[in-house]
Amino acid sequence: MSINIAVIGAGAWGTAIAKAIAEKGHETLIWSHNADTANEINHQRRNSRYLPDVELPAKLHATSDIVAAAEGREYLILALPSLFLMDGVKQILNTTSIREGESAIAVITKGFLPTVKGPRLILETLEDYLPGFYRNSLVYIAGPSHAEEVSRGKITGLIAASENPKNSFRFRDLIKSNRLLVFSSFDVRGVQVAATVKNVIAIAFGMLDALKTSGETSAVGNTASALPRGLGALFGDGTESLLLAAGLNEIQTLGFAMGATYPQTFTSISGVGDLDVTCRSMFGRNRRFGREIIEKNILAPYRNLDDLLARIAEIGYLPEGVAATKYVKILAEKHKLKMPIAFGVYRIINREIGPIDFIHDFLEELA
């Protein structure tokens, strides 16, 4: 049995992409840091931790040996969360296929990465570690998608962005099917920024959604006295659309500051499409986190954003927007950008202000 394709990361999204590829008839290997998960995939055709009730195809195989997973693959897809991506990459740098540039590499992780130069885009950070073969040849795959839907065959669209057209087309053709549509883009920076910052906006959307459906303002903490009771009555569908439009503007503002090349990036599925589904879908972890800030006071045990990041496993799921919020603030200040929603989410998670204070300040600023 010859396996030319490997996915590094057996979370929900990595498993869903691996499943889609294996269902096309390709023998596919997926790496899990958890040996029990790898065994479950191999013997029970399930990944119950991340995709419960989804049957996995026989052509999908799993291992808990990351070096064995990466060695000798024609296609390598990195699906680790941004907080752990570089640790995984450093473990496979010395595999022959990467050292010799034989593996085409794509990334489906969303986020910015911390470096000594400050927060940077994922692909440019990887280029500093990978051999020179990979400069301007990596592929970034994103779009309005949820693992829960892709794994169940729901029609979904993705973008495969690369400065190397050949590699963009290669991964497009590897992944696409009649249910998983994949389009090519050369705006690597714009697609990466859109895929990351939308998670910050989704946290804000989750808070708004919870406030919209809340009953009395007493449910949202001691700052509620600043506004009338029955706060939820102030928010409607139009308020949500206002937030989405303003959020998209902030995404585009940072995108162009960081080198985005096509306005269409932000009006296509990688921009407005991904933002919409991340904010509105019941599967969105960042929207859920925003809701739980209001409904469960989930920030209460943490001193600030850094404390939350250090103990993020306590949440029970991984909202990528928490780390992104920190890095968006740094980048926006570096480029001298006005991003009130992103800054407000940062101040809320950093325990500087409450959600109601932010709404009050935001509306006053607009008035």
Protein backbone atom coordinates (compact mmCIF):
# COMPACT_ATOMS: atom_id res chain seq x y z
CA MET A 1 0.00 0.00 0.00
CA SER A 2 1.48 3.34 -1.08
CA ILE A 3 0.42 6.45 0.82
CA ASN A 4 1.43 9.74 -0.80
CA ILE A 5 -0.80 12.05 1.24
CA ALA A 6 -0.59 12.93 4.92
CA VAL A 7 -2.52 15.32 7.15
CA ILE A 8 -0.68 16.48 10.28
CA GLY A 9 -3.33 17.04 12.90
CA ALA A 10 -6.38 14.91 13.70
CA GLY A 11 -8.63 17.60 15.06
CA ALA A 12 -12.05 18.12 13.54
CA TRP A 13 -10.88 20.09 10.50
CA GLY A 14 -7.85 17.92 9.77
CA THR A 15 -9.98 14.79 10.01
CA ALA A 16 -12.69 16.24 7.77
CA ILE A 17 -10.18 17.17 5.04
CA ALA A 18 -8.44 13.78 5.31
CA LYS A 19 -11.82 12.05 5.04
CA ALA A 20 -12.72 14.05 1.92
CA ILE A 21 -9.43 13.09 0.25
CA ALA A 22 -9.69 9.41 1.21
CA GLU A 23 -13.26 9.26 -0.11
CA LYS A 24 -11.88 10.15 -3.54
CA GLY A 25 -9.95 6.88 -3.47
CA HIS A 26 -6.59 8.16 -2.20
CA GLU A 27 -4.80 6.23 0.54
CA THR A 28 -4.41 8.95 3.18
CA LEU A 29 -2.52 9.06 6.47
CA ILE A 30 -3.44 11.31 9.37
CA TRP A 31 -1.27 12.06 12.41
CA SER A 32 -2.73 12.40 15.89
CA HIS A 33 -0.72 13.37 18.97
CA ASN A 34 -3.04 11.01 20.87
CA ALA A 35 -2.34 7.31 20.31
CA ASP A 36 -5.88 6.37 21.41
CA THR A 37 -7.34 8.61 18.70
CA ALA A 38 -5.07 7.05 16.09
CA ASN A 39 -6.10 3.56 17.19
CA GLU A 40 -9.77 4.50 17.12
CA ILE A 41 -9.46 5.81 13.56
CA ASN A 42 -7.66 2.66 12.43
CA HIS A 43 -9.84 0.07 14.15
CA GLN A 44 -13.24 1.66 14.69
CA ARG A 45 -13.32 4.13 11.76
CA ARG A 46 -14.21 6.94 14.17
CA ASN A 47 -12.70 10.07 15.73
CA SER A 48 -15.18 10.37 18.56
CA ARG A 49 -13.36 13.20 20.29
CA TYR A 50 -13.61 15.66 17.41
CA LEU A 51 -16.16 14.26 14.93
CA PRO A 52 -18.54 12.01 16.84
CA ASP A 53 -20.99 9.93 14.79
CA VAL A 54 -19.01 10.36 11.55
CA GLU A 55 -17.85 7.13 9.91
CA LEU A 56 -14.39 7.37 8.38
CA PRO A 57 -13.40 5.61 5.13
CA ALA A 58 -11.18 2.53 5.02
CA LYS A 59 -8.58 4.40 2.96
CA LEU A 60 -7.94 6.77 5.87
CA HIS A 61 -5.18 5.49 8.15
CA ALA A 62 -3.75 7.02 11.32
CA THR A 63 -0.48 7.13 13.25
CA SER A 64 0.82 8.82 16.40
CA ASP A 65 4.38 9.01 14.98
CA ILE A 66 4.69 12.47 13.44
CA VAL A 67 7.99 11.78 11.68
CA ALA A 68 6.61 8.61 10.07
CA ALA A 69 3.53 10.55 9.02
CA ALA A 70 5.55 13.21 7.20
CA GLU A 71 8.27 11.08 5.65
CA GLY A 72 8.00 10.31 1.95
CA ARG A 73 4.71 12.12 1.23
CA GLU A 74 3.99 13.85 -2.05
CA TYR A 75 1.33 15.99 -0.38
CA LEU A 76 1.53 17.22 3.21
CA ILE A 77 -1.33 19.18 4.81
CA LEU A 78 -0.64 20.93 8.13
CA ALA A 79 -3.78 21.04 10.27
CA LEU A 80 -2.43 21.77 13.75
CA PRO A 81 -3.95 24.66 15.77
CA SER A 82 -1.90 27.85 15.51
CA LEU A 83 -0.77 27.54 19.14
CA PHE A 84 0.96 24.24 18.32
CA LEU A 85 1.80 24.57 14.63
CA MET A 86 5.47 25.48 14.90
CA ASP A 87 6.17 22.75 17.46
CA GLY A 88 4.84 20.22 14.97
CA VAL A 89 6.75 21.70 12.04
CA LYS A 90 10.04 21.63 13.94
CA GLN A 91 9.57 17.90 14.56
CA ILE A 92 9.35 17.07 10.85
CA LEU A 93 11.94 19.47 9.44
CA ASN A 94 14.58 16.78 9.12
CA THR A 95 12.49 14.27 7.19
CA THR A 96 14.13 13.54 3.85
CA SER A 97 11.10 14.52 1.79
CA ILE A 98 10.98 18.00 3.36
CA ARG A 99 14.73 18.47 3.45
CA GLU A 100 14.83 17.71 -0.28
CA GLY A 101 11.69 19.69 -1.11
CA GLU A 102 9.86 16.60 -2.36
CA SER A 103 6.63 17.22 -0.41
CA ALA A 104 4.18 19.87 -1.56
CA ILE A 105 2.92 21.55 1.61
CA ALA A 106 -0.43 23.17 2.33
CA VAL A 107 -1.71 24.73 5.56
CA ILE A 108 -5.30 24.77 6.80
CA THR A 109 -4.52 26.39 10.18
CA LYS A 110 -5.99 29.82 10.95
CA GLY A 111 -4.14 32.45 12.94
CA PHE A 112 -1.05 34.61 13.28
CA LEU A 113 2.14 33.19 14.76
CA PRO A 114 4.25 34.88 17.44
CA THR A 115 7.88 35.43 16.45
CA VAL A 116 10.82 37.57 17.59
CA LYS A 117 9.71 39.98 14.85
CA GLY A 118 6.22 40.16 16.29
CA PRO A 119 3.05 38.42 15.03
CA ARG A 120 3.40 37.20 11.45
CA LEU A 121 1.36 35.37 8.85
CA ILE A 122 1.63 31.60 8.96
CA LEU A 123 3.15 31.04 5.53
CA GLU A 124 5.87 33.67 5.85
CA THR A 125 6.78 32.26 9.27
CA LEU A 126 7.02 28.74 7.89
CA GLU A 127 9.26 29.95 5.08
CA ASP A 128 11.84 30.98 7.68
CA TYR A 129 12.05 27.39 8.93
CA LEU A 130 11.54 25.29 5.82
CA PRO A 131 14.22 24.76 3.14
CA GLY A 132 14.46 27.38 0.40
CA PHE A 133 12.49 25.16 -2.02
CA TYR A 134 9.33 26.23 -0.23
CA ARG A 135 9.67 30.00 -0.49
CA ASN A 136 6.62 31.38 -2.33
CA SER A 137 5.42 27.81 -2.97
CA LEU A 138 3.35 26.97 0.11
CA VAL A 139 -0.44 26.76 -0.22
CA TYR A 140 -2.98 28.20 2.20
CA ILE A 141 -6.46 26.67 2.22
CA ALA A 142 -9.40 28.43 3.87
CA GLY A 143 -13.00 29.39 3.26
CA PRO A 144 -16.52 29.33 4.74
CA SER A 145 -16.52 25.83 6.14
CA HIS A 146 -17.11 23.73 9.23
CA ALA A 147 -15.62 20.31 9.79
CA GLU A 148 -18.96 19.02 11.02
CA GLU A 149 -20.59 19.85 7.67
CA VAL A 150 -17.71 18.89 5.36
CA SER A 151 -17.41 15.52 7.08
CA ARG A 152 -21.09 14.91 6.39
CA GLY A 153 -20.89 15.81 2.71
CA LYS A 154 -22.52 19.25 2.86
CA ILE A 155 -21.69 21.35 -0.20
CA THR A 156 -18.87 23.73 0.76
CA GLY A 157 -16.48 26.11 -1.02
CA LEU A 158 -12.79 26.65 -0.22
CA ILE A 159 -9.93 28.79 -1.51
CA ALA A 160 -6.46 27.37 -2.23
CA ALA A 161 -4.13 30.38 -2.24
CA SER A 162 -0.49 30.31 -3.28
CA GLU A 163 2.06 32.45 -5.06
CA ASN A 164 2.88 29.27 -7.00
CA PRO A 165 -0.06 28.67 -9.37
CA LYS A 166 0.96 25.07 -10.02
CA ASN A 167 0.81 24.18 -6.34
CA SER A 168 -2.50 25.97 -5.89
CA PHE A 169 -3.95 23.88 -8.71
CA ARG A 170 -2.40 20.67 -7.36
CA PHE A 171 -4.06 21.00 -3.97
CA ARG A 172 -7.28 22.22 -5.56
CA ASP A 173 -7.45 19.07 -7.65
CA LEU A 174 -6.46 16.86 -4.72
CA ILE A 175 -9.27 18.06 -2.47
CA LYS A 176 -12.12 19.11 -4.75
CA SER A 177 -15.19 16.97 -5.39
CA ASN A 178 -18.78 17.54 -6.43
CA ARG A 179 -19.53 18.50 -2.80
CA LEU A 180 -16.28 20.24 -1.88
CA LEU A 181 -15.63 23.06 -4.33
CA VAL A 182 -12.12 24.50 -4.34
CA PHE A 183 -11.05 27.68 -6.12
CA SER A 184 -7.57 29.06 -6.69
CA SER A 185 -6.26 32.44 -5.51
CA PHE A 186 -2.89 34.16 -5.65
CA ASP A 187 -3.70 36.63 -2.84
CA VAL A 188 -1.97 34.60 -0.13
CA ARG A 189 -1.76 37.45 2.37
CA GLY A 190 -5.33 38.59 1.97
CA VAL A 191 -6.74 35.10 2.37
CA GLN A 192 -4.66 34.46 5.51
CA VAL A 193 -5.72 37.73 7.15
CA ALA A 194 -9.39 37.12 6.35
CA ALA A 195 -9.25 33.58 7.72
CA THR A 196 -7.76 34.81 10.99
CA VAL A 197 -9.46 38.10 11.81
CA LYS A 198 -12.94 36.72 11.16
CA ASN A 199 -12.51 34.68 14.36
CA VAL A 200 -12.10 37.91 16.35
CA ILE A 201 -15.26 39.35 14.83
CA ALA A 202 -17.06 36.07 15.56
CA ILE A 203 -16.31 36.45 19.27
CA ALA A 204 -17.96 39.89 19.13
CA PHE A 205 -20.87 38.40 17.21
CA GLY A 206 -21.32 35.70 19.84
CA MET A 207 -21.52 38.30 22.57
CA LEU A 208 -24.05 40.29 20.56
CA ASP A 209 -26.07 37.14 19.86
CA ALA A 210 -26.21 36.32 23.58
CA LEU A 211 -27.20 39.87 24.49
CA LYS A 212 -29.83 39.88 21.77
CA THR A 213 -31.48 36.79 23.18
CA SER A 214 -30.97 37.61 26.86
CA GLY A 215 -33.83 38.59 29.08
CA GLU A 216 -32.84 40.99 31.83
CA THR A 217 -29.60 42.94 31.79
CA SER A 218 -28.76 41.63 35.24
CA ALA A 219 -27.64 38.43 33.50
CA VAL A 220 -24.67 40.17 31.93
CA GLY A 221 -22.84 41.45 34.98
CA ASN A 222 -22.55 44.55 37.14
CA THR A 223 -21.88 46.88 34.21
CA ALA A 224 -25.46 46.43 33.05
CA SER A 225 -26.61 49.37 35.17
CA ALA A 226 -25.06 51.69 32.58
CA LEU A 227 -27.86 50.84 30.16
CA PRO A 228 -31.61 50.28 30.55
CA ARG A 229 -33.02 46.96 31.60
CA GLY A 230 -34.28 44.80 28.78
CA LEU A 231 -31.04 45.39 26.88
CA GLY A 232 -31.74 42.56 24.44
CA ALA A 233 -34.61 44.56 22.96
CA LEU A 234 -32.08 47.03 21.54
CA PHE A 235 -30.53 44.45 19.23
CA GLY A 236 -32.02 42.91 16.10
CA ASP A 237 -31.10 41.38 12.76
CA GLY A 238 -30.01 44.78 11.54
CA THR A 239 -27.62 45.09 14.47
CA GLU A 240 -26.00 41.81 13.50
CA SER A 241 -25.63 42.96 9.91
CA LEU A 242 -24.12 46.21 11.14
CA LEU A 243 -21.53 44.24 13.09
CA LEU A 244 -20.74 41.99 10.12
CA ALA A 245 -20.28 44.93 7.77
CA ALA A 246 -18.10 46.84 10.22
CA GLY A 247 -16.15 43.68 10.96
CA LEU A 248 -15.53 43.01 7.28
CA ASN A 249 -14.23 46.55 6.93
CA GLU A 250 -11.72 45.92 9.74
CA ILE A 251 -10.61 42.65 8.12
CA GLN A 252 -10.05 44.41 4.80
CA THR A 253 -8.24 47.32 6.47
CA LEU A 254 -5.71 45.03 8.14
CA GLY A 255 -5.49 42.85 5.04
CA PHE A 256 -4.35 45.67 2.77
CA ALA A 257 -1.96 46.97 5.44
CA MET A 258 -0.34 43.52 5.46
CA GLY A 259 -0.01 43.21 1.71
CA ALA A 260 -3.31 41.88 0.33
CA THR A 261 -3.42 42.36 -3.43
CA TYR A 262 -7.04 41.83 -4.52
CA PRO A 263 -10.16 43.62 -3.22
CA GLN A 264 -12.14 40.60 -4.44
CA THR A 265 -10.51 38.53 -1.71
CA PHE A 266 -12.69 40.25 0.85
CA THR A 267 -15.92 40.21 -1.17
CA SER A 268 -15.58 36.52 -2.09
CA ILE A 269 -15.94 33.34 -0.06
CA SER A 270 -12.60 33.83 1.68
CA GLY A 271 -13.77 37.20 3.05
CA VAL A 272 -17.46 37.85 3.51
CA GLY A 273 -18.33 34.17 3.05
CA ASP A 274 -16.01 32.90 5.77
CA LEU A 275 -16.95 35.76 8.10
CA ASP A 276 -20.67 35.08 7.71
CA VAL A 277 -20.51 31.35 8.41
CA THR A 278 -18.09 31.75 11.33
CA CYS A 279 -20.37 34.28 12.98
CA ARG A 280 -23.71 32.64 12.30
CA SER A 281 -23.11 28.89 12.41
CA MET A 282 -24.02 26.80 15.43
CA PHE A 283 -20.69 25.00 14.94
CA GLY A 284 -18.55 28.13 15.38
CA ARG A 285 -16.26 27.83 18.42
CA ASN A 286 -15.48 31.55 18.45
CA ARG A 287 -19.14 32.49 18.36
CA ARG A 288 -19.70 30.00 21.19
CA PHE A 289 -16.89 31.58 23.20
CA GLY A 290 -18.42 35.03 22.72
CA ARG A 291 -21.80 33.77 23.86
CA GLU A 292 -20.26 32.16 26.93
CA ILE A 293 -18.59 35.42 27.91
CA ILE A 294 -22.13 36.71 28.42
CA GLU A 295 -24.04 33.60 29.45
CA LYS A 296 -21.46 31.82 31.60
CA ASN A 297 -19.08 34.61 32.60
CA ILE A 298 -16.36 32.35 31.19
CA LEU A 299 -13.63 34.98 31.65
CA ALA A 300 -14.09 35.18 35.42
CA PRO A 301 -11.32 32.70 36.40
CA TYR A 302 -8.66 34.47 34.31
CA ARG A 303 -6.65 37.57 35.19
CA ASN A 304 -6.19 38.68 31.60
CA LEU A 305 -5.84 37.41 28.04
CA ASP A 306 -2.37 35.95 28.58
CA ASP A 307 -3.58 34.01 31.61
CA LEU A 308 -6.43 32.64 29.51
CA LEU A 309 -4.05 31.58 26.73
CA ALA A 310 -1.78 29.83 29.23
CA ARG A 311 -4.76 27.86 30.57
CA ILE A 312 -6.79 27.59 27.36
CA ALA A 313 -7.23 23.82 27.76
CA GLU A 314 -9.55 24.54 30.70
CA ILE A 315 -12.14 25.93 28.29
CA GLY A 316 -12.74 22.46 26.83
CA TYR A 317 -12.52 23.62 23.22
CA LEU A 318 -10.14 25.88 21.31
CA PRO A 319 -11.45 29.29 20.15
CA GLU A 320 -8.64 30.38 17.80
CA GLY A 321 -9.88 33.95 18.01
CA VAL A 322 -8.49 34.38 21.53
CA ALA A 323 -4.86 34.29 20.37
CA ALA A 324 -5.79 36.13 17.18
CA THR A 325 -7.27 38.98 19.23
CA LYS A 326 -3.92 39.57 20.93
CA TYR A 327 -2.00 39.57 17.67
CA VAL A 328 -4.52 41.67 15.74
CA LYS A 329 -4.19 44.40 18.35
CA ILE A 330 -0.39 44.37 18.04
CA LEU A 331 -0.53 44.45 14.24
CA ALA A 332 -3.18 47.16 14.11
CA GLU A 333 -1.11 49.37 16.42
CA LYS A 334 1.99 48.68 14.35
CA HIS A 335 0.23 49.82 11.18
CA LYS A 336 -1.61 52.65 12.98
CA LEU A 337 -5.04 51.30 12.07
CA LYS A 338 -8.40 52.06 13.62
CA MET A 339 -10.13 48.75 14.42
CA PRO A 340 -12.69 49.45 17.17
CA ILE A 341 -14.35 46.03 17.16
CA ALA A 342 -11.09 44.10 17.35
CA PHE A 343 -9.73 46.49 20.00
CA GLY A 344 -12.95 46.17 22.00
CA VAL A 345 -12.82 42.36 21.93
CA TYR A 346 -9.21 42.54 23.11
CA ARG A 347 -10.09 44.82 26.03
CA ILE A 348 -12.97 42.57 27.05
CA ILE A 349 -10.90 39.36 27.00
CA ASN A 350 -8.03 41.18 28.72
CA ARG A 351 -10.46 42.03 31.56
CA GLU A 352 -10.10 45.79 31.05
CA ILE A 353 -13.78 46.46 30.38
CA GLY A 354 -17.05 44.55 30.28
CA PRO A 355 -19.15 43.90 27.17
CA ILE A 356 -21.72 46.51 28.15
CA ASP A 357 -19.02 49.15 28.64
CA PHE A 358 -17.74 48.41 25.16
CA ILE A 359 -21.19 48.75 23.58
CA HIS A 360 -21.74 52.05 25.40
CA ASP A 361 -18.37 53.43 24.30
CA PHE A 362 -18.79 52.17 20.74
CA LEU A 363 -22.21 53.76 20.29
CA GLU A 364 -20.99 57.04 21.78
CA GLU A 365 -18.07 57.07 19.35
CA LEU A 366 -20.44 56.59 16.40
CA ALA A 367 -22.91 59.24 17.58
